[in-house]
């Protein structure tokens, strides 16, 4: 959470940071100013919510409007981290760098059915409410789904192995007849990785 707060306040006071430099080139000063104005509006709005709640003694208001993400963030973290962690990177096959996991209906609803995460990456234009149907349509070409706890166990095992082999990444088994040759990867498919700020390397 510290990074998110730092990023929002950093944008608000228009300080230079790696993300802004990566997103806005020097000739996009107008777009950068829009981002700064929006960050200031957002922070001002939440400060106004807090002031109104103090003046009128509406204590639940900031808890719901401003601080709601703090309360539910632990579950988003618990559910969201396994989608990518410990898997291969720099591969053209999303099935090897993203996990689809099983979730209970309530968590699935809160997470907008994004537990079908491999399918979401492969077909990003498919809306969240159709991801289950998409999963069923392509299931024969996909790796076996992990449970949430199974995914965390897989990540823990990967982490343990990385203590002695830092370059190790879990290689998800995929159906043999649909394995894609990584040499066929279009260079443009990986080009967005160059936008990542230096601090993330």
N, C-alpha and C. Protein backbone atom coordinates (compact mmCIF):
# COMPACT_ATOMS: atom_id res chain seq x y z
N UNK A 1 0.82 -1.20 0.00
CA UNK A 1 0.00 0.00 0.00
C UNK A 1 0.85 1.25 0.00
N UNK A 2 2.03 1.18 0.59
CA UNK A 2 2.91 2.35 0.66
C UNK A 2 3.24 2.86 -0.73
N UNK A 3 3.50 1.94 -1.68
CA UNK A 3 3.87 2.36 -3.03
C UNK A 3 2.71 3.07 -3.72
N UNK A 4 1.47 2.56 -3.50
CA UNK A 4 0.31 3.19 -4.13
C UNK A 4 0.10 4.59 -3.60
N UNK A 5 0.22 4.77 -2.29
CA UNK A 5 0.03 6.10 -1.70
C UNK A 5 1.13 7.04 -2.18
N UNK A 6 2.37 6.55 -2.17
CA UNK A 6 3.48 7.37 -2.63
C UNK A 6 3.28 7.79 -4.08
N UNK A 7 2.82 6.86 -4.91
CA UNK A 7 2.60 7.16 -6.33
C UNK A 7 1.53 8.21 -6.53
N UNK A 8 0.39 8.09 -5.80
CA UNK A 8 -0.70 9.05 -5.95
C UNK A 8 -0.29 10.43 -5.48
N UNK A 9 0.35 10.51 -4.31
CA UNK A 9 0.77 11.81 -3.80
C UNK A 9 1.92 12.38 -4.62
N UNK A 10 2.78 11.49 -5.11
CA UNK A 10 3.86 11.96 -5.97
C UNK A 10 3.34 12.57 -7.24
N UNK A 11 2.30 11.95 -7.83
CA UNK A 11 1.67 12.52 -9.03
C UNK A 11 0.99 13.83 -8.69
N UNK A 12 0.34 13.90 -7.53
CA UNK A 12 -0.40 15.10 -7.14
C UNK A 12 0.51 16.32 -7.05
N UNK A 13 1.71 16.14 -6.49
CA UNK A 13 2.60 17.28 -6.36
C UNK A 13 3.56 17.40 -7.55
N UNK A 14 3.29 16.56 -8.56
CA UNK A 14 4.00 16.66 -9.85
C UNK A 14 5.50 16.42 -9.71
N UNK A 15 5.87 15.46 -8.87
CA UNK A 15 7.28 15.11 -8.79
C UNK A 15 7.60 14.09 -9.87
N UNK A 16 8.86 14.02 -10.24
CA UNK A 16 9.27 13.06 -11.26
C UNK A 16 9.33 11.68 -10.63
N UNK A 17 8.72 10.71 -11.30
CA UNK A 17 8.90 9.33 -10.85
C UNK A 17 8.96 8.41 -12.06
N UNK A 18 9.45 7.21 -11.84
CA UNK A 18 9.71 6.29 -12.95
C UNK A 18 8.47 5.96 -13.75
N UNK A 19 7.31 5.80 -13.07
CA UNK A 19 6.10 5.45 -13.79
C UNK A 19 5.67 6.59 -14.71
N UNK A 20 5.68 7.82 -14.19
CA UNK A 20 5.29 8.95 -15.03
C UNK A 20 6.23 9.11 -16.22
N UNK A 21 7.52 8.91 -15.98
CA UNK A 21 8.49 9.02 -17.07
C UNK A 21 8.29 7.92 -18.10
N UNK A 22 7.89 6.73 -17.64
CA UNK A 22 7.67 5.62 -18.56
C UNK A 22 6.40 5.82 -19.38
N UNK A 23 5.38 6.41 -18.76
CA UNK A 23 4.09 6.57 -19.43
C UNK A 23 4.07 7.81 -20.31
N UNK A 24 4.59 8.92 -19.81
CA UNK A 24 4.50 10.18 -20.54
C UNK A 24 5.88 10.59 -21.04
N UNK A 25 6.03 10.65 -22.35
CA UNK A 25 7.27 11.12 -22.94
C UNK A 25 7.31 12.65 -22.86
N UNK A 26 8.48 13.26 -23.07
CA UNK A 26 8.57 14.72 -22.94
C UNK A 26 7.58 15.50 -23.81
N UNK A 27 7.17 14.93 -24.95
CA UNK A 27 6.24 15.66 -25.83
C UNK A 27 4.77 15.46 -25.42
N UNK A 28 4.52 14.78 -24.28
CA UNK A 28 3.15 14.54 -23.81
C UNK A 28 2.88 15.31 -22.52
N UNK A 29 3.36 16.52 -22.46
CA UNK A 29 3.20 17.33 -21.24
C UNK A 29 1.72 17.58 -20.91
N UNK A 30 0.89 17.73 -21.94
CA UNK A 30 -0.53 17.97 -21.71
C UNK A 30 -1.17 16.78 -20.99
N UNK A 31 -0.85 15.55 -21.44
CA UNK A 31 -1.40 14.36 -20.81
C UNK A 31 -0.87 14.19 -19.39
N UNK A 32 0.39 14.54 -19.19
CA UNK A 32 0.96 14.46 -17.85
C UNK A 32 0.23 15.41 -16.89
N UNK A 33 -0.07 16.62 -17.36
CA UNK A 33 -0.79 17.59 -16.52
C UNK A 33 -2.19 17.08 -16.18
N UNK A 34 -2.83 16.37 -17.13
CA UNK A 34 -4.15 15.79 -16.84
C UNK A 34 -4.04 14.77 -15.71
N UNK A 35 -2.99 13.96 -15.74
CA UNK A 35 -2.79 12.96 -14.69
C UNK A 35 -2.57 13.64 -13.34
N UNK A 36 -1.82 14.74 -13.34
CA UNK A 36 -1.56 15.48 -12.11
C UNK A 36 -2.87 16.07 -11.58
N UNK A 37 -3.67 16.67 -12.48
CA UNK A 37 -4.95 17.26 -12.05
C UNK A 37 -5.88 16.19 -11.47
N UNK A 38 -5.93 15.03 -12.13
CA UNK A 38 -6.81 13.96 -11.66
C UNK A 38 -6.36 13.46 -10.29
N UNK A 39 -5.05 13.32 -10.10
CA UNK A 39 -4.54 12.88 -8.80
C UNK A 39 -4.90 13.89 -7.71
N UNK A 40 -4.79 15.18 -8.02
CA UNK A 40 -5.16 16.21 -7.05
C UNK A 40 -6.65 16.18 -6.73
N UNK A 41 -7.47 15.98 -7.76
CA UNK A 41 -8.92 15.87 -7.55
C UNK A 41 -9.25 14.69 -6.65
N UNK A 42 -8.62 13.55 -6.94
CA UNK A 42 -8.91 12.33 -6.18
C UNK A 42 -8.53 12.48 -4.71
N UNK A 43 -7.34 13.02 -4.45
CA UNK A 43 -6.91 13.23 -3.07
C UNK A 43 -7.80 14.26 -2.40
N UNK A 44 -8.15 15.35 -3.10
CA UNK A 44 -9.04 16.37 -2.55
C UNK A 44 -10.42 15.81 -2.23
N UNK A 45 -10.93 14.96 -3.10
CA UNK A 45 -12.24 14.35 -2.85
C UNK A 45 -12.23 13.54 -1.56
N UNK A 46 -11.20 12.72 -1.38
CA UNK A 46 -11.16 11.89 -0.18
C UNK A 46 -10.93 12.72 1.09
N UNK A 47 -10.17 13.81 0.98
CA UNK A 47 -10.03 14.72 2.12
C UNK A 47 -11.37 15.37 2.46
N UNK A 48 -12.15 15.72 1.42
CA UNK A 48 -13.47 16.31 1.64
C UNK A 48 -14.41 15.31 2.32
N UNK A 49 -14.34 14.06 1.92
CA UNK A 49 -15.17 13.03 2.55
C UNK A 49 -14.85 12.94 4.04
N UNK A 50 -13.55 12.98 4.37
CA UNK A 50 -13.14 12.91 5.78
C UNK A 50 -13.63 14.13 6.56
N UNK A 51 -13.50 15.32 5.96
CA UNK A 51 -13.96 16.56 6.62
C UNK A 51 -15.47 16.51 6.85
N UNK A 52 -16.24 16.12 5.83
CA UNK A 52 -17.70 16.03 5.96
C UNK A 52 -18.08 15.04 7.05
N UNK A 53 -17.38 13.91 7.10
CA UNK A 53 -17.71 12.90 8.11
C UNK A 53 -17.42 13.41 9.52
N UNK A 54 -16.38 14.23 9.67
CA UNK A 54 -16.07 14.80 10.99
C UNK A 54 -17.10 15.86 11.38
N UNK A 55 -17.42 16.75 10.43
CA UNK A 55 -18.37 17.84 10.72
C UNK A 55 -19.75 17.29 11.07
N UNK A 56 -20.23 16.33 10.27
CA UNK A 56 -21.59 15.81 10.48
C UNK A 56 -21.62 14.52 11.30
N UNK A 57 -20.45 14.08 11.77
CA UNK A 57 -20.32 12.87 12.58
C UNK A 57 -20.89 11.64 11.89
N UNK A 58 -20.57 11.52 10.64
CA UNK A 58 -20.98 10.34 9.86
C UNK A 58 -19.75 9.43 9.75
N UNK A 59 -19.46 8.73 10.81
CA UNK A 59 -18.21 7.97 10.89
C UNK A 59 -18.10 6.84 9.87
N UNK A 60 -19.19 6.16 9.48
CA UNK A 60 -19.04 5.09 8.49
C UNK A 60 -18.67 5.58 7.09
N UNK A 61 -18.95 6.86 6.80
CA UNK A 61 -18.72 7.37 5.44
C UNK A 61 -17.28 7.20 4.96
N UNK A 62 -16.27 7.67 5.68
CA UNK A 62 -14.91 7.47 5.19
C UNK A 62 -14.47 6.01 5.23
N UNK A 63 -15.05 5.24 6.16
CA UNK A 63 -14.70 3.82 6.20
C UNK A 63 -15.12 3.11 4.93
N UNK A 64 -16.27 3.51 4.39
CA UNK A 64 -16.77 2.86 3.17
C UNK A 64 -16.16 3.49 1.92
N UNK A 65 -16.15 4.81 1.85
CA UNK A 65 -15.74 5.50 0.61
C UNK A 65 -14.21 5.57 0.47
N UNK A 66 -13.51 5.92 1.54
CA UNK A 66 -12.08 6.19 1.44
C UNK A 66 -11.21 5.02 1.86
N UNK A 67 -11.58 4.35 2.94
CA UNK A 67 -10.70 3.33 3.50
C UNK A 67 -11.15 1.90 3.23
N UNK A 68 -12.19 1.74 2.39
CA UNK A 68 -12.69 0.39 2.11
C UNK A 68 -11.65 -0.55 1.56
N UNK A 69 -10.77 -0.04 0.70
CA UNK A 69 -9.76 -0.92 0.10
C UNK A 69 -8.75 -1.41 1.12
N UNK A 70 -8.57 -0.69 2.21
CA UNK A 70 -7.64 -1.14 3.25
C UNK A 70 -8.15 -2.39 3.93
N UNK A 71 -9.49 -2.48 4.12
CA UNK A 71 -10.05 -3.61 4.85
C UNK A 71 -10.07 -4.88 4.01
N UNK A 72 -10.41 -4.75 2.73
CA UNK A 72 -10.52 -5.93 1.88
C UNK A 72 -9.24 -6.27 1.13
N UNK A 73 -8.23 -5.45 1.28
CA UNK A 73 -7.03 -5.62 0.48
C UNK A 73 -6.29 -6.92 0.78
N UNK A 74 -6.37 -7.41 2.03
CA UNK A 74 -5.65 -8.64 2.37
C UNK A 74 -6.17 -9.81 1.54
N UNK A 75 -7.50 -9.85 1.31
CA UNK A 75 -8.06 -10.97 0.54
C UNK A 75 -7.72 -10.83 -0.94
N UNK A 76 -7.73 -9.61 -1.44
CA UNK A 76 -7.32 -9.39 -2.84
C UNK A 76 -5.89 -9.84 -3.03
N UNK A 77 -5.06 -9.55 -2.05
CA UNK A 77 -3.66 -9.97 -2.11
C UNK A 77 -3.56 -11.49 -2.08
N UNK A 78 -4.29 -12.12 -1.16
CA UNK A 78 -4.24 -13.58 -1.00
C UNK A 78 -4.72 -14.28 -2.26
N UNK A 79 -5.72 -13.71 -2.91
CA UNK A 79 -6.28 -14.32 -4.12
C UNK A 79 -5.50 -13.92 -5.37
N UNK A 80 -5.02 -12.67 -5.42
CA UNK A 80 -4.41 -12.15 -6.65
C UNK A 80 -2.96 -12.52 -6.86
N UNK A 81 -2.18 -12.63 -5.78
CA UNK A 81 -0.74 -12.92 -5.93
C UNK A 81 -0.47 -14.22 -6.67
N UNK A 82 -1.24 -15.30 -6.42
CA UNK A 82 -0.93 -16.56 -7.10
C UNK A 82 -1.13 -16.55 -8.61
N UNK A 83 -1.76 -15.53 -9.13
CA UNK A 83 -2.02 -15.52 -10.57
C UNK A 83 -0.73 -15.51 -11.41
N UNK A 84 0.34 -14.91 -10.88
CA UNK A 84 1.57 -14.78 -11.66
C UNK A 84 2.83 -15.27 -10.95
N UNK A 85 2.84 -15.26 -9.65
CA UNK A 85 4.08 -15.44 -8.89
C UNK A 85 4.71 -16.82 -9.09
N UNK A 86 6.03 -16.82 -9.32
CA UNK A 86 6.80 -18.06 -9.42
C UNK A 86 6.77 -18.72 -10.76
N UNK A 87 6.03 -18.17 -11.71
CA UNK A 87 5.90 -18.79 -13.03
C UNK A 87 6.93 -18.21 -14.00
N UNK A 88 6.99 -18.78 -15.18
CA UNK A 88 7.98 -18.35 -16.16
C UNK A 88 7.66 -16.94 -16.67
N UNK A 89 8.72 -16.22 -17.06
CA UNK A 89 8.52 -14.93 -17.71
C UNK A 89 9.21 -14.98 -19.07
N UNK A 90 8.97 -13.96 -19.86
CA UNK A 90 9.56 -13.86 -21.20
C UNK A 90 9.24 -15.06 -22.07
N UNK A 91 8.01 -15.57 -21.97
CA UNK A 91 7.55 -16.64 -22.85
C UNK A 91 6.29 -16.16 -23.55
N UNK A 92 6.08 -16.67 -24.76
CA UNK A 92 4.92 -16.24 -25.54
C UNK A 92 3.64 -16.94 -25.11
N UNK A 93 3.75 -18.04 -24.39
CA UNK A 93 2.61 -18.85 -24.01
C UNK A 93 2.09 -18.42 -22.64
N UNK A 94 0.92 -17.78 -22.61
CA UNK A 94 0.36 -17.30 -21.35
C UNK A 94 0.10 -18.42 -20.36
N UNK A 95 -0.09 -19.65 -20.86
CA UNK A 95 -0.38 -20.76 -19.97
C UNK A 95 0.79 -21.08 -19.05
N UNK A 96 1.98 -20.62 -19.42
CA UNK A 96 3.17 -20.88 -18.62
C UNK A 96 3.53 -19.73 -17.68
N UNK A 97 2.91 -18.58 -17.87
CA UNK A 97 3.26 -17.43 -17.02
C UNK A 97 2.08 -16.89 -16.22
N UNK A 98 0.91 -17.54 -16.33
CA UNK A 98 -0.28 -17.10 -15.59
C UNK A 98 -1.01 -18.34 -15.08
N UNK A 99 -1.60 -18.26 -13.90
CA UNK A 99 -2.39 -19.36 -13.34
C UNK A 99 -3.88 -19.05 -13.40
N UNK A 100 -4.66 -20.06 -13.74
CA UNK A 100 -6.10 -20.04 -13.50
C UNK A 100 -6.32 -20.89 -12.27
N UNK A 101 -7.07 -20.38 -11.31
CA UNK A 101 -7.28 -21.10 -10.06
C UNK A 101 -8.76 -21.29 -9.77
N UNK A 102 -9.06 -22.17 -8.82
CA UNK A 102 -10.43 -22.40 -8.38
C UNK A 102 -10.72 -21.51 -7.18
N UNK A 103 -11.87 -20.84 -7.20
CA UNK A 103 -12.29 -20.00 -6.08
C UNK A 103 -13.72 -20.34 -5.68
N UNK A 104 -14.04 -20.08 -4.43
CA UNK A 104 -15.42 -20.23 -3.98
C UNK A 104 -16.27 -19.14 -4.64
N UNK A 105 -17.59 -19.36 -4.75
CA UNK A 105 -18.46 -18.39 -5.46
C UNK A 105 -18.39 -16.97 -4.92
N UNK A 106 -18.31 -16.80 -3.59
CA UNK A 106 -18.28 -15.45 -3.03
C UNK A 106 -17.00 -14.73 -3.42
N UNK A 107 -15.84 -15.39 -3.27
CA UNK A 107 -14.57 -14.77 -3.66
C UNK A 107 -14.52 -14.51 -5.16
N UNK A 108 -15.11 -15.43 -5.92
CA UNK A 108 -15.17 -15.24 -7.38
C UNK A 108 -15.96 -13.99 -7.73
N UNK A 109 -17.08 -13.77 -7.03
CA UNK A 109 -17.89 -12.58 -7.25
C UNK A 109 -17.12 -11.31 -6.91
N UNK A 110 -16.45 -11.32 -5.74
CA UNK A 110 -15.68 -10.15 -5.33
C UNK A 110 -14.51 -9.88 -6.28
N UNK A 111 -13.95 -10.95 -6.84
CA UNK A 111 -12.77 -10.82 -7.71
C UNK A 111 -13.16 -10.70 -9.19
N UNK A 112 -14.42 -10.51 -9.47
CA UNK A 112 -14.94 -10.31 -10.83
C UNK A 112 -14.59 -11.47 -11.75
N UNK A 113 -14.58 -12.68 -11.19
CA UNK A 113 -14.28 -13.91 -11.93
C UNK A 113 -12.91 -13.91 -12.58
N UNK A 114 -12.02 -13.10 -12.04
CA UNK A 114 -10.66 -13.04 -12.59
C UNK A 114 -9.81 -14.23 -12.18
N UNK A 115 -10.43 -15.22 -11.48
CA UNK A 115 -9.66 -16.43 -11.21
C UNK A 115 -9.40 -17.19 -12.51
N UNK A 116 -10.17 -16.91 -13.55
CA UNK A 116 -9.89 -17.45 -14.88
C UNK A 116 -8.85 -16.53 -15.53
N UNK A 117 -7.70 -16.48 -14.91
CA UNK A 117 -6.74 -15.44 -15.23
C UNK A 117 -5.97 -15.72 -16.53
N UNK A 118 -5.67 -16.97 -16.78
CA UNK A 118 -4.99 -17.30 -18.04
C UNK A 118 -5.88 -16.93 -19.22
N UNK A 119 -7.14 -17.30 -19.12
CA UNK A 119 -8.09 -16.97 -20.19
C UNK A 119 -8.23 -15.46 -20.35
N UNK A 120 -8.23 -14.75 -19.22
CA UNK A 120 -8.31 -13.28 -19.26
C UNK A 120 -7.13 -12.69 -20.02
N UNK A 121 -5.93 -13.22 -19.80
CA UNK A 121 -4.76 -12.70 -20.50
C UNK A 121 -4.77 -13.09 -21.98
N UNK A 122 -5.23 -14.28 -22.27
CA UNK A 122 -5.23 -14.72 -23.67
C UNK A 122 -6.29 -14.00 -24.50
N UNK A 123 -7.42 -13.70 -23.88
CA UNK A 123 -8.53 -13.05 -24.59
C UNK A 123 -9.00 -11.86 -23.74
N UNK A 124 -8.20 -10.81 -23.72
CA UNK A 124 -8.42 -9.69 -22.80
C UNK A 124 -9.73 -8.94 -23.07
N UNK A 125 -10.27 -9.04 -24.27
CA UNK A 125 -11.50 -8.31 -24.60
C UNK A 125 -12.75 -9.01 -24.08
N UNK A 126 -12.63 -10.24 -23.60
CA UNK A 126 -13.80 -10.97 -23.09
C UNK A 126 -14.17 -10.39 -21.72
N UNK A 127 -15.42 -9.96 -21.55
CA UNK A 127 -15.81 -9.36 -20.25
C UNK A 127 -15.80 -10.40 -19.14
N UNK A 128 -15.67 -9.94 -17.91
CA UNK A 128 -15.50 -10.83 -16.76
C UNK A 128 -16.65 -11.82 -16.62
N UNK A 129 -17.86 -11.42 -16.97
CA UNK A 129 -19.01 -12.30 -16.78
C UNK A 129 -19.05 -13.44 -17.80
N UNK A 130 -18.18 -13.39 -18.82
CA UNK A 130 -18.11 -14.49 -19.79
C UNK A 130 -16.86 -15.34 -19.64
N UNK A 131 -16.04 -15.06 -18.64
CA UNK A 131 -14.79 -15.81 -18.51
C UNK A 131 -15.02 -17.28 -18.19
N UNK A 132 -16.06 -17.60 -17.43
CA UNK A 132 -16.33 -19.01 -17.13
C UNK A 132 -16.68 -19.77 -18.40
N UNK A 133 -17.50 -19.16 -19.24
CA UNK A 133 -17.86 -19.80 -20.52
C UNK A 133 -16.63 -19.96 -21.40
N UNK A 134 -15.77 -18.94 -21.42
CA UNK A 134 -14.54 -19.03 -22.20
C UNK A 134 -13.66 -20.16 -21.66
N UNK A 135 -13.55 -20.25 -20.33
CA UNK A 135 -12.76 -21.32 -19.72
C UNK A 135 -13.24 -22.70 -20.19
N UNK A 136 -14.55 -22.89 -20.19
CA UNK A 136 -15.10 -24.18 -20.62
C UNK A 136 -14.82 -24.44 -22.10
N UNK A 137 -14.85 -23.38 -22.91
CA UNK A 137 -14.65 -23.54 -24.36
C UNK A 137 -13.22 -23.95 -24.70
N UNK A 138 -12.24 -23.48 -23.90
CA UNK A 138 -10.83 -23.75 -24.22
C UNK A 138 -10.17 -24.72 -23.24
N UNK A 139 -10.97 -25.37 -22.37
CA UNK A 139 -10.43 -26.18 -21.28
C UNK A 139 -9.50 -27.29 -21.77
N UNK A 140 -9.78 -27.86 -22.92
CA UNK A 140 -8.95 -28.98 -23.39
C UNK A 140 -7.55 -28.54 -23.77
N UNK A 141 -7.34 -27.26 -24.03
CA UNK A 141 -6.02 -26.74 -24.40
C UNK A 141 -5.28 -26.11 -23.22
N UNK A 142 -5.89 -26.16 -22.04
CA UNK A 142 -5.34 -25.44 -20.90
C UNK A 142 -4.76 -26.39 -19.87
N UNK A 143 -3.80 -25.90 -19.06
CA UNK A 143 -3.30 -26.73 -17.95
C UNK A 143 -4.38 -26.92 -16.90
N UNK A 144 -4.17 -27.90 -16.04
CA UNK A 144 -5.13 -28.17 -14.98
C UNK A 144 -5.18 -27.00 -13.99
N UNK A 145 -6.39 -26.63 -13.60
CA UNK A 145 -6.54 -25.53 -12.64
C UNK A 145 -6.01 -25.94 -11.28
N UNK A 146 -5.38 -24.99 -10.58
CA UNK A 146 -4.96 -25.23 -9.21
C UNK A 146 -6.03 -24.71 -8.26
N UNK A 147 -6.07 -25.28 -7.06
CA UNK A 147 -6.88 -24.66 -6.01
C UNK A 147 -6.10 -23.45 -5.51
N UNK A 148 -6.77 -22.58 -4.75
CA UNK A 148 -6.09 -21.42 -4.20
C UNK A 148 -4.93 -21.85 -3.29
N UNK A 149 -5.20 -22.83 -2.43
CA UNK A 149 -4.14 -23.28 -1.53
C UNK A 149 -3.07 -24.07 -2.28
N UNK A 150 -3.48 -24.78 -3.34
CA UNK A 150 -2.51 -25.48 -4.17
C UNK A 150 -1.57 -24.52 -4.88
N UNK A 151 -2.12 -23.38 -5.31
CA UNK A 151 -1.29 -22.37 -5.96
C UNK A 151 -0.28 -21.78 -4.98
N UNK A 152 -0.74 -21.51 -3.74
CA UNK A 152 0.18 -20.99 -2.73
C UNK A 152 1.26 -22.03 -2.38
N UNK A 153 0.90 -23.31 -2.34
CA UNK A 153 1.88 -24.36 -2.07
C UNK A 153 2.91 -24.42 -3.20
N UNK A 154 2.42 -24.30 -4.44
CA UNK A 154 3.32 -24.30 -5.60
C UNK A 154 4.27 -23.11 -5.53
N UNK A 155 3.77 -21.94 -5.12
CA UNK A 155 4.62 -20.76 -4.99
C UNK A 155 5.65 -20.96 -3.88
N UNK A 156 5.23 -21.56 -2.76
CA UNK A 156 6.16 -21.79 -1.66
C UNK A 156 7.27 -22.76 -2.08
N UNK A 157 6.88 -23.83 -2.80
CA UNK A 157 7.88 -24.79 -3.27
C UNK A 157 8.85 -24.13 -4.25
N UNK A 158 8.33 -23.25 -5.10
CA UNK A 158 9.19 -22.52 -6.03
C UNK A 158 10.15 -21.62 -5.28
N UNK A 159 9.63 -20.91 -4.27
CA UNK A 159 10.47 -20.03 -3.47
C UNK A 159 11.58 -20.81 -2.78
N UNK A 160 11.25 -21.97 -2.22
CA UNK A 160 12.27 -22.79 -1.55
C UNK A 160 13.36 -23.20 -2.54
N UNK A 161 12.95 -23.58 -3.74
CA UNK A 161 13.94 -23.99 -4.73
C UNK A 161 14.79 -22.82 -5.19
N UNK A 162 14.20 -21.63 -5.23
CA UNK A 162 14.94 -20.44 -5.65
C UNK A 162 16.00 -20.02 -4.63
N UNK A 163 15.92 -20.55 -3.41
CA UNK A 163 16.95 -20.24 -2.42
C UNK A 163 18.30 -20.82 -2.84
N UNK A 164 18.28 -21.94 -3.55
CA UNK A 164 19.53 -22.55 -4.03
C UNK A 164 19.73 -22.34 -5.53
N UNK A 165 18.62 -22.08 -6.25
CA UNK A 165 18.71 -21.85 -7.70
C UNK A 165 17.89 -20.60 -8.03
N UNK A 166 18.50 -19.41 -7.93
CA UNK A 166 17.75 -18.15 -8.09
C UNK A 166 17.06 -18.01 -9.45
N UNK A 167 17.53 -18.71 -10.47
CA UNK A 167 16.93 -18.58 -11.80
C UNK A 167 15.77 -19.54 -12.03
N UNK A 168 15.45 -20.36 -11.04
CA UNK A 168 14.39 -21.36 -11.23
C UNK A 168 13.03 -20.68 -11.34
N UNK A 169 12.22 -21.16 -12.29
CA UNK A 169 10.83 -20.74 -12.44
C UNK A 169 10.01 -21.99 -12.72
N UNK A 170 8.84 -22.06 -12.12
CA UNK A 170 7.99 -23.24 -12.32
C UNK A 170 7.52 -23.29 -13.76
N UNK A 171 7.69 -24.43 -14.41
CA UNK A 171 7.29 -24.60 -15.80
C UNK A 171 5.99 -25.39 -15.83
N UNK A 172 4.88 -24.70 -16.02
CA UNK A 172 3.56 -25.32 -15.99
C UNK A 172 3.41 -26.33 -17.13
N UNK A 173 3.05 -27.57 -16.82
CA UNK A 173 2.81 -28.54 -17.89
C UNK A 173 1.56 -28.16 -18.67
N UNK A 174 1.67 -28.21 -20.00
CA UNK A 174 0.53 -27.89 -20.86
C UNK A 174 0.29 -29.07 -21.80
N UNK A 175 -0.92 -29.19 -22.35
CA UNK A 175 -1.19 -30.27 -23.29
C UNK A 175 -0.18 -30.28 -24.44
N UNK A 176 0.38 -31.45 -24.72
CA UNK A 176 1.48 -31.56 -25.68
C UNK A 176 1.11 -31.11 -27.08
N UNK A 177 -0.11 -31.42 -27.52
CA UNK A 177 -0.46 -31.15 -28.92
C UNK A 177 -0.68 -29.68 -29.22
N UNK A 178 -0.65 -28.80 -28.18
CA UNK A 178 -0.87 -27.38 -28.44
C UNK A 178 0.30 -26.54 -27.95
N UNK A 179 1.47 -27.17 -27.73
CA UNK A 179 2.63 -26.40 -27.30
C UNK A 179 3.08 -25.51 -28.44
N UNK A 180 3.32 -24.24 -28.13
CA UNK A 180 3.74 -23.27 -29.14
C UNK A 180 5.24 -23.12 -29.09
N UNK A 181 5.86 -23.06 -30.25
CA UNK A 181 7.30 -22.88 -30.33
C UNK A 181 7.63 -21.44 -29.94
N UNK A 182 8.44 -21.28 -28.88
CA UNK A 182 8.76 -19.94 -28.41
C UNK A 182 9.57 -19.15 -29.44
N UNK A 183 10.23 -19.84 -30.37
CA UNK A 183 11.00 -19.15 -31.40
C UNK A 183 10.10 -18.40 -32.36
N UNK A 184 8.80 -18.76 -32.38
CA UNK A 184 7.85 -18.10 -33.28
C UNK A 184 7.29 -16.81 -32.71
N UNK A 185 7.73 -16.42 -31.54
CA UNK A 185 7.17 -15.23 -30.90
C UNK A 185 7.47 -13.98 -31.73
N UNK A 186 6.43 -13.21 -31.95
CA UNK A 186 6.57 -11.93 -32.63
C UNK A 186 7.25 -10.96 -31.68
N UNK A 187 8.34 -10.28 -32.11
CA UNK A 187 9.02 -9.34 -31.21
C UNK A 187 8.10 -8.26 -30.65
N UNK A 188 7.06 -7.90 -31.41
CA UNK A 188 6.14 -6.86 -30.94
C UNK A 188 5.33 -7.33 -29.74
N UNK A 189 5.14 -8.67 -29.59
CA UNK A 189 4.36 -9.18 -28.47
C UNK A 189 5.04 -8.87 -27.15
N UNK A 190 6.36 -8.81 -27.16
CA UNK A 190 7.10 -8.56 -25.92
C UNK A 190 7.50 -7.10 -25.78
N UNK A 191 7.12 -6.24 -26.73
CA UNK A 191 7.62 -4.87 -26.73
C UNK A 191 7.13 -4.05 -25.55
N UNK A 192 5.92 -4.36 -25.02
CA UNK A 192 5.42 -3.56 -23.90
C UNK A 192 6.25 -3.70 -22.65
N UNK A 193 7.04 -4.77 -22.56
CA UNK A 193 7.90 -4.94 -21.40
C UNK A 193 8.93 -3.83 -21.28
N UNK A 194 9.22 -3.16 -22.37
CA UNK A 194 10.22 -2.08 -22.33
C UNK A 194 9.69 -0.86 -21.59
N UNK A 195 8.39 -0.76 -21.35
CA UNK A 195 7.83 0.39 -20.67
C UNK A 195 8.01 0.29 -19.16
N UNK A 196 8.43 -0.88 -18.67
CA UNK A 196 8.58 -1.06 -17.24
C UNK A 196 9.67 -0.15 -16.71
N UNK A 197 9.38 0.58 -15.61
CA UNK A 197 10.38 1.52 -15.07
C UNK A 197 11.63 0.80 -14.57
N UNK A 198 12.73 1.55 -14.48
CA UNK A 198 13.99 0.98 -14.04
C UNK A 198 13.88 0.38 -12.64
N UNK A 199 13.04 0.95 -11.79
CA UNK A 199 12.93 0.47 -10.41
C UNK A 199 12.31 -0.91 -10.34
N UNK A 200 11.65 -1.35 -11.42
CA UNK A 200 11.00 -2.65 -11.41
C UNK A 200 11.90 -3.74 -11.98
N UNK A 201 13.06 -3.37 -12.52
CA UNK A 201 13.96 -4.36 -13.11
C UNK A 201 14.75 -5.09 -12.04
